[in-house]
Amino acid sequence: MKCVHCGEELKEGSLFCSKCGKEVQIVPDYNEYEDDYLKKVLAEENRPKTAHVGPMPGAGAENQAEKNKKQMILIGGIIAACVVIIILGCVVMFGIKNKQANSFDYQVEMAEKAYEEGDIGTAIEYYENALSLDKDNTEIRLILAEIYMNRKDYDSAMILCQEIMKQDSSNAKACEILITIYENQKNYDAILALYEVVDTSLQDQFAAYVVTAPVFSVEGGTYDEYVTLELTTSGEYDIYYSLDGSDPTLRGERYTMPIELNENLKTYTINAVCMNDKGIYSEVVSQEYVIDIPAPDMPIVTPDGGDFGVETTITVTVPDGCSAYYTWDGSDPNIYSTPYTGPITVLEGNNVLSVIIIDNNTQLCSDIYRGNFVFYVEDGEGEDLSDVQPEEEAE
């Protein structure tokens, strides 16, 4: 069949001419011989007729021409009918294909059939078509993601699963695929970011990646004694810490034993973090400790000095964790002086007792206590001999 406008040979089923671009009109494509013959028949039909009596000359030839004319009309009709049937068939086929192309169920059916036959490429094509018809279908996305995972096309699978998790944060399979992909990439930050957005029902999938922070045995604050600090963890993690507020992931010391905060008048800013065997850190936790231990109070001495006519003992009140030291010669006592272990007997004469208290942990020293103790032995009648004057002086 040819184009009626330019004569170009048309392909079967074409609706527009590939040469001139005009709409195709259905015209039977007669051969040259048939065309010439039809022209002759039409010329004979249009020739003026004259009346005459008796048999017409050449009547046999005219009858044959009439027969030929009818035969050609019949042939032309048959050809036209065939063309119409072909066109109708093309239209029907086009309609069927168009309907199938817009049918989600048909695309899925063809995808499943292709997959069963091992034609994975065709199956992907049909599944993609189905997804274009139902853009929110997580089931088809998941099927495609699993196919891409089997083909090691991780980028395509990752994009599909990310789209699924945006629609359904509780989709366990999509979450599992994403974790697998991120693990292969060693992209632990992406895993932890995913952990923050998934439904709580999926958090068990992150057990190997979410590291809990260490726990301090003593809360931060101001203490009037030295502090022994322990750090513990809920898993098989290594703990790193710093005492000066620096980042323990960069400059931290590995924790192996309790930390002694044993420097007085000092502030400790302790940062600590846990790390698992994948090198994933927990959040950094921090506590501040101020060690401000006061020196012991001045010793309480009983009696607090005085004049004594009989032998007397002195007691010193020593706080727990402290020791007392004293002298009788007026010098300042220190840790090398006589330690107080029990009541002290007042020395005979006029003496000054000096006492200090020292904290055994901090070695801080109290102010010095000084007391004047006067003790002279009396005579048998109880008279103080120190007041008796010689006879010469009495006279």
Protein backbone atom coordinates (compact mmCIF):
# COMPACT_ATOMS: atom_id res chain seq x y z
CA MET A 1 0.00 0.00 0.00
CA LYS A 2 1.25 3.47 -0.95
CA CYS A 3 0.78 6.96 0.42
CA VAL A 4 -1.88 8.83 -1.60
CA HIS A 5 0.00 12.07 -1.06
CA CYS A 6 3.60 11.20 -2.00
CA GLY A 7 3.45 7.63 -3.28
CA GLU A 8 5.83 6.31 -0.60
CA GLU A 9 5.48 2.58 0.13
CA LEU A 10 3.82 2.26 3.56
CA LYS A 11 4.67 -0.31 6.21
CA GLU A 12 1.86 -2.53 7.38
CA GLY A 13 -0.07 -1.02 10.28
CA SER A 14 1.37 2.53 9.78
CA LEU A 15 -0.97 5.38 10.70
CA PHE A 16 1.25 8.16 9.30
CA CYS A 17 3.57 8.29 6.24
CA SER A 18 7.23 8.02 7.23
CA LYS A 19 8.18 10.34 4.35
CA CYS A 20 5.66 13.17 4.25
CA GLY A 21 4.18 12.60 7.75
CA LYS A 22 0.57 12.86 6.54
CA GLU A 23 -2.22 10.60 7.73
CA VAL A 24 -2.54 7.34 5.84
CA GLN A 25 -5.67 6.91 3.70
CA ILE A 26 -6.75 3.41 2.79
CA VAL A 27 -6.51 3.01 -0.98
CA PRO A 28 -6.28 -0.40 -2.64
CA ASP A 29 -2.93 -0.92 -4.27
CA TYR A 30 -3.78 -2.13 -7.79
CA ASN A 31 -1.14 -3.26 -10.20
CA GLU A 32 -0.55 -1.37 -13.42
CA TYR A 33 -2.24 -3.94 -15.59
CA GLU A 34 -5.42 -3.89 -13.55
CA ASP A 35 -5.43 -0.13 -13.51
CA ASP A 36 -5.18 0.13 -17.31
CA TYR A 37 -7.85 -2.48 -17.75
CA LEU A 38 -10.23 -0.62 -15.45
CA LYS A 39 -9.63 2.57 -17.42
CA LYS A 40 -10.60 0.79 -20.65
CA VAL A 41 -13.73 -0.64 -19.10
CA LEU A 42 -14.75 2.77 -17.84
CA ALA A 43 -14.10 4.29 -21.27
CA GLU A 44 -16.33 1.72 -22.90
CA GLU A 45 -19.01 2.38 -20.31
CA ASN A 46 -18.98 6.08 -21.01
CA ARG A 47 -19.00 5.76 -24.84
CA PRO A 48 -22.27 7.06 -26.41
CA LYS A 49 -24.60 4.29 -27.52
CA THR A 50 -26.60 4.32 -30.86
CA ALA A 51 -29.87 2.56 -31.43
CA HIS A 52 -30.06 -0.01 -34.18
CA VAL A 53 -32.23 -2.90 -35.22
CA GLY A 54 -30.99 -6.43 -35.07
CA PRO A 55 -27.91 -7.87 -33.50
CA MET A 56 -25.33 -5.30 -32.55
CA PRO A 57 -21.92 -5.65 -34.10
CA GLY A 58 -19.35 -6.86 -31.53
CA ALA A 59 -21.95 -7.86 -28.91
CA GLY A 60 -19.81 -10.76 -27.82
CA ALA A 61 -16.87 -8.47 -27.06
CA GLU A 62 -19.07 -6.12 -25.02
CA ASN A 63 -20.39 -8.98 -22.93
CA GLN A 64 -16.83 -10.08 -22.19
CA ALA A 65 -15.88 -6.56 -21.19
CA GLU A 66 -18.84 -6.42 -18.85
CA LYS A 67 -17.79 -9.64 -17.28
CA ASN A 68 -14.23 -8.39 -16.89
CA LYS A 69 -15.48 -5.18 -15.32
CA LYS A 70 -17.56 -7.03 -12.77
CA GLN A 71 -14.63 -9.32 -12.05
CA MET A 72 -12.32 -6.37 -11.37
CA ILE A 73 -14.90 -4.70 -9.14
CA LEU A 74 -15.17 -7.92 -7.17
CA ILE A 75 -11.40 -8.19 -6.86
CA GLY A 76 -11.17 -4.60 -5.74
CA GLY A 77 -13.85 -5.16 -3.12
CA ILE A 78 -12.07 -8.20 -1.83
CA ILE A 79 -8.80 -6.30 -1.60
CA ALA A 80 -10.50 -3.39 0.16
CA ALA A 81 -12.15 -5.76 2.61
CA CYS A 82 -8.80 -7.39 3.36
CA VAL A 83 -7.23 -4.00 3.98
CA VAL A 84 -10.04 -3.04 6.33
CA ILE A 85 -9.70 -6.35 8.20
CA ILE A 86 -5.93 -5.81 8.55
CA ILE A 87 -6.44 -2.29 9.86
CA LEU A 88 -9.07 -3.44 12.31
CA GLY A 89 -6.74 -6.22 13.46
CA CYS A 90 -3.96 -3.71 14.01
CA VAL A 91 -6.28 -1.44 15.96
CA VAL A 92 -7.44 -4.34 18.14
CA MET A 93 -3.86 -5.51 18.73
CA PHE A 94 -2.82 -1.96 19.56
CA GLY A 95 -5.69 -1.69 22.02
CA ILE A 96 -4.77 -5.00 23.66
CA LYS A 97 -1.12 -4.05 23.98
CA ASN A 98 -2.05 -0.64 25.34
CA LYS A 99 -4.33 -2.24 27.91
CA GLN A 100 -1.63 -4.72 28.92
CA ALA A 101 0.95 -1.94 29.19
CA ASN A 102 -1.32 -0.16 31.67
CA SER A 103 -2.23 -3.27 33.65
CA PHE A 104 -0.33 -3.70 36.94
CA ASP A 105 -1.47 -7.31 37.30
CA TYR A 106 -0.37 -8.17 33.75
CA GLN A 107 3.11 -6.69 34.33
CA VAL A 108 3.52 -8.63 37.58
CA GLU A 109 2.28 -11.84 35.94
CA MET A 110 4.74 -11.50 33.06
CA ALA A 111 7.56 -10.62 35.49
CA GLU A 112 6.91 -13.75 37.57
CA LYS A 113 6.78 -15.89 34.44
CA ALA A 114 10.06 -14.47 33.14
CA TYR A 115 11.71 -14.95 36.54
CA GLU A 116 10.62 -18.60 36.69
CA GLU A 117 12.06 -19.11 33.21
CA GLY A 118 15.36 -17.61 34.33
CA ASP A 119 15.02 -14.49 32.18
CA ILE A 120 16.01 -12.10 34.98
CA GLY A 121 16.51 -9.08 32.73
CA THR A 122 12.99 -9.33 31.34
CA ALA A 123 11.59 -9.94 34.82
CA ILE A 124 13.26 -6.73 36.07
CA GLU A 125 11.79 -4.82 33.13
CA TYR A 126 8.27 -6.02 33.88
CA TYR A 127 8.65 -5.35 37.62
CA GLU A 128 9.88 -1.84 36.86
CA ASN A 129 6.83 -1.32 34.62
CA ALA A 130 4.56 -2.53 37.41
CA LEU A 131 6.25 -0.17 39.88
CA SER A 132 5.72 2.75 37.49
CA LEU A 133 1.98 1.94 37.58
CA ASP A 134 1.87 1.67 41.40
CA LYS A 135 4.60 3.93 42.73
CA ASP A 136 3.82 3.23 46.41
CA ASN A 137 3.93 -0.57 46.17
CA THR A 138 6.52 -1.69 48.75
CA GLU A 139 6.09 -5.38 47.89
CA ILE A 140 7.30 -4.91 44.29
CA ARG A 141 10.13 -2.67 45.50
CA LEU A 142 11.25 -5.37 47.91
CA ILE A 143 11.13 -8.07 45.21
CA LEU A 144 13.24 -5.89 42.93
CA ALA A 145 15.67 -5.10 45.77
CA GLU A 146 16.21 -8.81 46.44
CA ILE A 147 16.78 -9.46 42.72
CA TYR A 148 19.34 -6.65 42.61
CA MET A 149 21.05 -8.04 45.71
CA ASN A 150 21.39 -11.43 44.00
CA ARG A 151 22.90 -9.67 40.97
CA LYS A 152 25.25 -7.72 43.33
CA ASP A 153 23.77 -4.44 42.12
CA TYR A 154 23.93 -2.99 45.62
CA ASP A 155 23.33 0.63 44.63
CA SER A 156 19.98 -0.15 43.00
CA ALA A 157 18.95 -2.35 45.93
CA MET A 158 19.96 0.35 48.42
CA ILE A 159 17.88 3.04 46.69
CA LEU A 160 14.80 0.79 46.64
CA CYS A 161 15.14 -0.14 50.32
CA GLN A 162 15.69 3.47 51.34
CA GLU A 163 12.42 4.34 49.58
CA ILE A 164 10.70 1.47 51.40
CA MET A 165 11.93 2.63 54.82
CA LYS A 166 10.61 6.12 54.14
CA GLN A 167 7.17 4.60 53.52
CA ASP A 168 7.33 1.91 56.21
CA SER A 169 9.90 2.30 58.99
CA SER A 170 8.97 -1.14 60.38
CA ASN A 171 9.84 -3.13 57.23
CA ALA A 172 12.24 -5.72 58.65
CA LYS A 173 13.47 -7.12 55.32
CA ALA A 174 14.31 -3.73 53.82
CA CYS A 175 16.10 -2.81 57.05
CA GLU A 176 18.09 -6.05 56.94
CA ILE A 177 19.14 -5.44 53.32
CA LEU A 178 20.29 -1.91 54.11
CA ILE A 179 22.33 -3.09 57.10
CA THR A 180 23.98 -5.74 54.90
CA ILE A 181 24.87 -3.17 52.25
CA TYR A 182 26.22 -0.64 54.76
CA GLU A 183 28.20 -3.40 56.51
CA ASN A 184 29.82 -4.37 53.18
CA GLN A 185 30.71 -0.71 52.68
CA LYS A 186 31.97 -0.39 56.31
CA ASN A 187 29.63 2.60 56.50
CA TYR A 188 28.80 2.37 60.18
CA ASP A 189 27.66 5.98 60.34
CA ALA A 190 24.89 5.10 57.87
CA ILE A 191 23.88 2.14 60.05
CA LEU A 192 23.65 4.35 63.13
CA ALA A 193 21.69 6.96 61.17
CA LEU A 194 19.27 4.22 60.08
CA TYR A 195 18.93 3.14 63.72
CA GLU A 196 17.67 6.59 64.60
CA VAL A 197 14.73 6.44 62.15
CA VAL A 198 13.55 2.82 62.20
CA ASP A 199 10.63 1.58 64.26
CA THR A 200 11.60 0.42 67.75
CA SER A 201 10.53 -3.11 66.82
CA LEU A 202 13.60 -3.35 64.55
CA GLN A 203 16.23 -2.11 66.99
CA ASP A 204 17.39 -5.65 67.83
CA GLN A 205 18.88 -5.81 64.33
CA PHE A 206 21.39 -3.16 65.40
CA ALA A 207 22.77 -4.96 68.46
CA ALA A 208 26.19 -5.42 66.83
CA TYR A 209 26.43 -1.75 65.90
CA VAL A 210 24.87 0.30 68.69
CA VAL A 211 27.37 0.66 71.54
CA THR A 212 26.15 1.82 74.93
CA ALA A 213 28.10 4.44 76.84
CA PRO A 214 30.12 3.62 79.97
CA VAL A 215 28.67 4.15 83.45
CA PHE A 216 30.40 6.10 86.24
CA SER A 217 30.35 4.52 89.69
CA VAL A 218 30.36 7.96 91.35
CA GLU A 219 28.34 10.94 90.23
CA GLY A 220 30.18 14.16 89.50
CA GLY A 221 30.30 16.86 92.16
CA THR A 222 32.45 18.43 94.87
CA TYR A 223 34.01 16.04 97.38
CA ASP A 224 35.86 16.67 100.64
CA GLU A 225 37.73 13.42 100.29
CA TYR A 226 39.59 11.55 97.60
CA VAL A 227 37.44 9.63 95.12
CA THR A 228 38.00 6.18 93.64
CA LEU A 229 36.11 6.06 90.34
CA GLU A 230 35.14 2.91 88.43
CA LEU A 231 33.86 2.75 84.83
CA THR A 232 31.63 -0.13 83.73
CA THR A 233 29.94 -1.21 80.47
CA SER A 234 26.92 -3.28 79.50
CA GLY A 235 28.76 -5.18 76.76
CA GLU A 236 32.13 -6.60 75.79
CA TYR A 237 33.55 -3.18 75.02
CA ASP A 238 36.83 -1.38 75.58
CA ILE A 239 36.60 1.84 77.59
CA TYR A 240 38.75 4.90 76.91
CA TYR A 241 38.85 7.99 79.11
CA SER A 242 40.61 11.30 79.65
CA LEU A 243 41.00 13.33 82.85
CA ASP A 244 41.36 16.78 81.29
CA GLY A 245 38.19 17.02 79.19
CA SER A 246 39.89 16.03 75.91
CA ASP A 247 38.27 13.73 73.34
CA PRO A 248 38.77 10.13 74.54
CA THR A 249 38.38 8.76 71.00
CA LEU A 250 41.54 10.61 70.02
CA ARG A 251 43.67 10.95 73.18
CA GLY A 252 41.98 8.63 75.62
CA GLU A 253 43.70 6.14 77.88
CA ARG A 254 42.37 2.58 77.94
CA TYR A 255 40.58 1.85 81.20
CA THR A 256 42.03 -1.14 83.06
CA MET A 257 41.62 -0.30 86.76
CA PRO A 258 39.80 2.18 89.03
CA ILE A 259 40.77 5.81 88.63
CA GLU A 260 42.12 7.51 91.75
CA LEU A 261 41.15 11.17 92.06
CA ASN A 262 43.66 11.86 94.80
CA GLU A 263 44.90 15.38 94.27
CA ASN A 264 43.41 17.98 96.55
CA LEU A 265 42.09 21.32 95.35
CA LYS A 266 41.81 20.03 91.80
CA THR A 267 39.00 19.76 89.23
CA TYR A 268 38.86 16.61 87.10
CA THR A 269 36.80 16.68 83.89
CA ILE A 270 36.49 13.02 82.90
CA ASN A 271 35.27 12.05 79.42
CA ALA A 272 34.70 8.38 78.70
CA VAL A 273 33.59 6.30 75.70
CA CYS A 274 33.08 2.63 74.80
CA MET A 275 34.29 0.96 71.60
CA ASN A 276 33.25 -2.44 70.20
CA ASP A 277 35.27 -4.88 68.09
CA LYS A 278 34.11 -3.17 64.86
CA GLY A 279 35.66 0.10 66.00
CA ILE A 280 32.27 1.70 66.59
CA TYR A 281 32.19 4.20 69.46
CA SER A 282 29.38 4.96 71.84
CA GLU A 283 28.44 8.52 72.67
CA VAL A 284 31.01 10.30 74.85
CA VAL A 285 29.83 10.81 78.43
CA SER A 286 31.34 13.28 80.87
CA GLN A 287 31.45 13.97 84.61
CA GLU A 288 33.23 16.71 86.58
CA TYR A 289 34.74 16.13 90.01
CA VAL A 290 36.08 18.82 92.34
CA ILE A 291 38.32 17.56 95.13
CA ASP A 292 38.31 20.14 97.93
CA ILE A 293 39.41 18.54 101.18
CA PRO A 294 39.76 20.98 104.11
CA ALA A 295 42.60 20.70 106.63
CA PRO A 296 41.66 19.14 109.99
CA ASP A 297 40.39 21.45 112.69
CA MET A 298 42.72 22.51 115.49
CA PRO A 299 43.04 19.70 118.07
CA ILE A 300 40.70 19.61 121.07
CA VAL A 301 42.90 19.15 124.15
CA THR A 302 41.48 18.34 127.59
CA PRO A 303 42.26 19.95 129.99
CA ASP A 304 43.10 23.08 128.12
CA GLY A 305 46.19 24.10 130.16
CA GLY A 306 46.34 25.38 133.74
CA ASP A 307 48.13 24.97 137.12
CA PHE A 308 48.07 21.55 138.66
CA GLY A 309 49.18 20.38 142.13
CA VAL A 310 48.75 16.71 141.42
CA GLU A 311 49.73 14.47 138.59
CA THR A 312 47.35 15.04 135.68
CA THR A 313 46.83 13.44 132.24
CA ILE A 314 45.87 15.18 129.01
CA THR A 315 43.66 13.75 126.23
CA VAL A 316 43.53 14.86 122.58
CA THR A 317 40.46 14.27 120.37
CA VAL A 318 41.69 12.77 117.08
CA PRO A 319 39.19 12.59 114.12
CA ASP A 320 38.89 9.38 112.11
CA GLY A 321 41.52 9.10 109.43
CA CYS A 322 43.84 11.48 111.22
CA SER A 323 46.82 11.33 113.57
CA ALA A 324 48.07 13.70 116.32
CA TYR A 325 51.65 14.73 117.10
CA TYR A 326 52.96 16.86 119.99
CA THR A 327 55.98 18.47 121.64
CA TRP A 328 56.66 19.82 125.15
CA ASP A 329 59.60 22.08 124.33
CA GLY A 330 57.74 24.87 122.57
CA SER A 331 58.78 23.77 119.05
CA ASP A 332 56.29 23.27 116.22
CA PRO A 333 55.27 19.61 115.94
CA ASN A 334 55.33 17.64 112.68
CA ILE A 335 55.03 14.04 111.56
CA TYR A 336 58.41 13.33 113.11
CA SER A 337 57.31 14.56 116.53
CA THR A 338 55.96 12.30 119.28
CA PRO A 339 52.74 10.67 118.04
CA TYR A 340 49.73 10.81 120.29
CA THR A 341 48.67 7.27 121.20
CA GLY A 342 46.84 7.86 124.46
CA PRO A 343 46.55 10.22 127.43
CA ILE A 344 49.65 12.35 128.05
CA THR A 345 50.97 12.94 131.59
CA VAL A 346 51.61 16.60 132.42
CA LEU A 347 55.32 17.15 132.94
CA GLU A 348 56.53 18.68 136.18
CA GLY A 349 57.32 22.34 135.94
CA ASN A 350 56.06 25.11 133.68
CA ASN A 351 55.72 23.64 130.16
CA VAL A 352 54.03 24.44 126.85
CA LEU A 353 52.28 21.58 125.05
CA SER A 354 52.08 21.92 121.25
CA VAL A 355 49.76 19.58 119.27
CA ILE A 356 48.78 19.17 115.58
CA ILE A 357 46.33 16.91 113.69
CA ILE A 358 47.39 15.51 110.30
CA ASP A 359 44.96 13.92 107.76
CA ASN A 360 46.40 10.52 106.92
CA ASN A 361 45.14 10.67 103.29
CA THR A 362 45.82 14.26 102.32
CA GLN A 363 48.65 14.94 104.77
CA LEU A 364 46.94 18.26 105.44
CA CYS A 365 47.85 19.70 108.79
CA SER A 366 45.69 21.54 111.31
CA ASP A 367 46.65 24.73 113.07
CA ILE A 368 48.91 24.20 116.11
CA TYR A 369 47.35 23.98 119.53
CA ARG A 370 49.47 25.49 122.32
CA GLY A 371 48.64 25.18 126.00
CA ASN A 372 50.56 26.17 129.15
CA PHE A 373 50.63 23.46 131.81
CA VAL A 374 52.17 24.23 135.26
CA PHE A 375 52.70 21.34 137.64
CA TYR A 376 54.75 21.30 140.87
CA VAL A 377 54.74 18.46 143.39
CA GLU A 378 53.23 19.45 146.83
CA ASP A 379 54.67 18.42 150.34
CA GLY A 380 53.16 15.67 152.45
CA GLU A 381 50.61 18.03 154.10
CA GLY A 382 49.59 19.27 150.81
CA GLU A 383 51.58 22.54 151.08
CA ASP A 384 53.11 23.77 147.91
CA LEU A 385 56.86 23.70 148.55
CA SER A 386 57.47 26.29 145.93
CA ASP A 387 56.01 28.89 148.28
CA VAL A 388 58.28 27.98 151.26
CA GLN A 389 61.14 30.43 151.81
CA PRO A 390 64.46 29.69 153.58
CA GLU A 391 64.58 30.56 157.32
CA GLU A 392 67.06 33.35 156.84
CA GLU A 393 64.71 35.01 154.38
CA ALA A 394 61.76 34.39 156.79
CA GLU A 395 63.52 36.27 159.54
